[in-house]
Amino acid sequence: MALSDWTSGVNYAHSTGKAEGKIEGKAERSFEIAREMKADGIPMSQIVKFTHLSEDEIAQL
């Protein structure tokens, strides 16, 4: 029973960590895209639309 509980805990932690990593990776990619768009002079409204970042987040880039 204890081994089963431990295995379940490890599997849960692994899947949770993997999901969090994917979310962080997607967020970082949105910031990279926003930086490039901003550098190319694309209007703020378009950057917000395509990256789903806030104007404040984009302004800080």
N, C-alpha and C. Protein backbone atom coordinates (compact mmCIF):
# COMPACT_ATOMS: atom_id res chain seq x y z
N MET A 1 0.83 -1.20 0.00
CA MET A 1 0.00 0.00 0.00
C MET A 1 0.87 1.26 0.00
N ALA A 2 1.90 1.29 0.82
CA ALA A 2 2.75 2.48 0.91
C ALA A 2 3.46 2.75 -0.42
N LEU A 3 3.92 1.70 -1.08
CA LEU A 3 4.58 1.86 -2.37
C LEU A 3 3.61 2.42 -3.40
N SER A 4 2.38 1.97 -3.38
CA SER A 4 1.36 2.47 -4.30
C SER A 4 1.09 3.95 -4.06
N ASP A 5 1.00 4.35 -2.80
CA ASP A 5 0.79 5.76 -2.46
C ASP A 5 1.96 6.61 -2.92
N TRP A 6 3.18 6.11 -2.71
CA TRP A 6 4.38 6.85 -3.11
C TRP A 6 4.41 7.00 -4.62
N THR A 7 4.13 5.92 -5.33
CA THR A 7 4.13 5.95 -6.79
C THR A 7 3.08 6.94 -7.31
N SER A 8 1.92 6.92 -6.71
CA SER A 8 0.87 7.87 -7.11
C SER A 8 1.33 9.31 -6.89
N GLY A 9 1.97 9.56 -5.76
CA GLY A 9 2.47 10.90 -5.46
C GLY A 9 3.52 11.35 -6.45
N VAL A 10 4.43 10.46 -6.79
CA VAL A 10 5.49 10.79 -7.75
C VAL A 10 4.88 11.08 -9.13
N ASN A 11 3.95 10.25 -9.54
CA ASN A 11 3.31 10.45 -10.84
C ASN A 11 2.56 11.77 -10.88
N TYR A 12 1.87 12.11 -9.79
CA TYR A 12 1.13 13.38 -9.72
C TYR A 12 2.10 14.56 -9.81
N ALA A 13 3.18 14.49 -9.03
CA ALA A 13 4.16 15.58 -9.03
C ALA A 13 4.79 15.75 -10.41
N HIS A 14 5.08 14.64 -11.06
CA HIS A 14 5.68 14.69 -12.39
C HIS A 14 4.73 15.34 -13.40
N SER A 15 3.48 14.91 -13.39
CA SER A 15 2.53 15.46 -14.35
C SER A 15 2.22 16.92 -14.06
N THR A 16 2.17 17.29 -12.79
CA THR A 16 1.92 18.68 -12.42
C THR A 16 3.09 19.56 -12.85
N GLY A 17 4.30 19.09 -12.59
CA GLY A 17 5.49 19.85 -12.98
C GLY A 17 5.60 20.00 -14.48
N LYS A 18 5.24 18.96 -15.19
CA LYS A 18 5.29 19.00 -16.65
C LYS A 18 4.29 20.03 -17.20
N ALA A 19 3.08 20.06 -16.62
CA ALA A 19 2.06 21.01 -17.06
C ALA A 19 2.50 22.44 -16.76
N GLU A 20 3.07 22.65 -15.58
CA GLU A 20 3.55 23.99 -15.23
C GLU A 20 4.65 24.44 -16.18
N GLY A 21 5.53 23.52 -16.55
CA GLY A 21 6.60 23.84 -17.48
C GLY A 21 6.08 24.25 -18.84
N LYS A 22 5.04 23.57 -19.30
CA LYS A 22 4.45 23.92 -20.59
C LYS A 22 3.83 25.31 -20.54
N ILE A 23 3.16 25.62 -19.45
CA ILE A 23 2.53 26.94 -19.29
C ILE A 23 3.60 28.03 -19.28
N GLU A 24 4.67 27.80 -18.53
CA GLU A 24 5.76 28.79 -18.47
C GLU A 24 6.41 28.96 -19.84
N GLY A 25 6.57 27.87 -20.56
CA GLY A 25 7.16 27.94 -21.90
C GLY A 25 6.30 28.73 -22.86
N LYS A 26 5.00 28.54 -22.79
CA LYS A 26 4.09 29.29 -23.66
C LYS A 26 4.11 30.77 -23.31
N ALA A 27 4.16 31.08 -22.02
CA ALA A 27 4.19 32.48 -21.60
C ALA A 27 5.48 33.14 -22.09
N GLU A 28 6.60 32.45 -21.94
CA GLU A 28 7.87 33.01 -22.39
C GLU A 28 7.85 33.24 -23.90
N ARG A 29 7.26 32.34 -24.63
CA ARG A 29 7.17 32.51 -26.09
C ARG A 29 6.32 33.73 -26.44
N SER A 30 5.24 33.95 -25.69
CA SER A 30 4.40 35.14 -25.93
C SER A 30 5.21 36.41 -25.71
N PHE A 31 6.05 36.42 -24.68
CA PHE A 31 6.89 37.59 -24.43
C PHE A 31 7.90 37.79 -25.56
N GLU A 32 8.48 36.71 -26.05
CA GLU A 32 9.44 36.81 -27.16
C GLU A 32 8.76 37.39 -28.40
N ILE A 33 7.58 36.89 -28.71
CA ILE A 33 6.84 37.38 -29.87
C ILE A 33 6.49 38.85 -29.70
N ALA A 34 6.05 39.22 -28.50
CA ALA A 34 5.69 40.62 -28.23
C ALA A 34 6.91 41.54 -28.39
N ARG A 35 8.07 41.09 -27.92
CA ARG A 35 9.30 41.89 -28.06
C ARG A 35 9.59 42.13 -29.55
N GLU A 36 9.49 41.10 -30.34
CA GLU A 36 9.76 41.21 -31.77
C GLU A 36 8.75 42.14 -32.45
N MET A 37 7.49 41.97 -32.10
CA MET A 37 6.44 42.81 -32.70
C MET A 37 6.65 44.27 -32.32
N LYS A 38 6.97 44.49 -31.05
CA LYS A 38 7.20 45.86 -30.56
C LYS A 38 8.40 46.48 -31.29
N ALA A 39 9.46 45.71 -31.46
CA ALA A 39 10.65 46.20 -32.15
C ALA A 39 10.36 46.54 -33.61
N ASP A 40 9.40 45.84 -34.20
CA ASP A 40 9.02 46.09 -35.59
C ASP A 40 8.00 47.21 -35.73
N GLY A 41 7.61 47.81 -34.60
CA GLY A 41 6.69 48.94 -34.65
C GLY A 41 5.22 48.56 -34.83
N ILE A 42 4.88 47.34 -34.53
CA ILE A 42 3.48 46.91 -34.65
C ILE A 42 2.67 47.56 -33.54
N PRO A 43 1.48 48.05 -33.83
CA PRO A 43 0.66 48.73 -32.83
C PRO A 43 0.35 47.85 -31.62
N MET A 44 0.28 48.50 -30.46
CA MET A 44 0.02 47.83 -29.20
C MET A 44 -1.24 46.96 -29.27
N SER A 45 -2.29 47.46 -29.90
CA SER A 45 -3.55 46.70 -29.96
C SER A 45 -3.36 45.36 -30.68
N GLN A 46 -2.52 45.35 -31.70
CA GLN A 46 -2.26 44.11 -32.43
C GLN A 46 -1.41 43.15 -31.59
N ILE A 47 -0.45 43.69 -30.86
CA ILE A 47 0.39 42.85 -30.00
C ILE A 47 -0.47 42.19 -28.93
N VAL A 48 -1.35 42.97 -28.32
CA VAL A 48 -2.25 42.44 -27.29
C VAL A 48 -3.13 41.35 -27.89
N LYS A 49 -3.66 41.60 -29.06
CA LYS A 49 -4.57 40.65 -29.71
C LYS A 49 -3.89 39.31 -29.97
N PHE A 50 -2.68 39.34 -30.47
CA PHE A 50 -2.03 38.10 -30.89
C PHE A 50 -1.25 37.39 -29.79
N THR A 51 -0.81 38.12 -28.75
CA THR A 51 -0.03 37.47 -27.69
C THR A 51 -0.86 37.20 -26.44
N HIS A 52 -2.00 37.88 -26.32
CA HIS A 52 -2.86 37.77 -25.14
C HIS A 52 -2.17 38.28 -23.87
N LEU A 53 -1.19 39.14 -24.06
CA LEU A 53 -0.54 39.81 -22.93
C LEU A 53 -1.26 41.13 -22.69
N SER A 54 -1.11 41.68 -21.49
CA SER A 54 -1.72 42.97 -21.20
C SER A 54 -0.83 44.09 -21.74
N GLU A 55 -1.42 45.27 -21.88
CA GLU A 55 -0.62 46.42 -22.33
C GLU A 55 0.50 46.72 -21.35
N ASP A 56 0.23 46.55 -20.06
CA ASP A 56 1.27 46.80 -19.05
C ASP A 56 2.43 45.81 -19.20
N GLU A 57 2.12 44.54 -19.45
CA GLU A 57 3.18 43.55 -19.64
C GLU A 57 4.02 43.89 -20.86
N ILE A 58 3.38 44.31 -21.92
CA ILE A 58 4.08 44.64 -23.16
C ILE A 58 4.92 45.90 -22.98
N ALA A 59 4.37 46.88 -22.28
CA ALA A 59 5.09 48.14 -22.06
C ALA A 59 6.39 47.92 -21.28
N GLN A 60 6.43 46.89 -20.44
CA GLN A 60 7.62 46.62 -19.63
C GLN A 60 8.72 45.91 -20.42
N LEU A 61 8.41 45.51 -21.64
CA LEU A 61 9.43 44.79 -22.44
C LEU A 61 10.46 45.74 -23.00
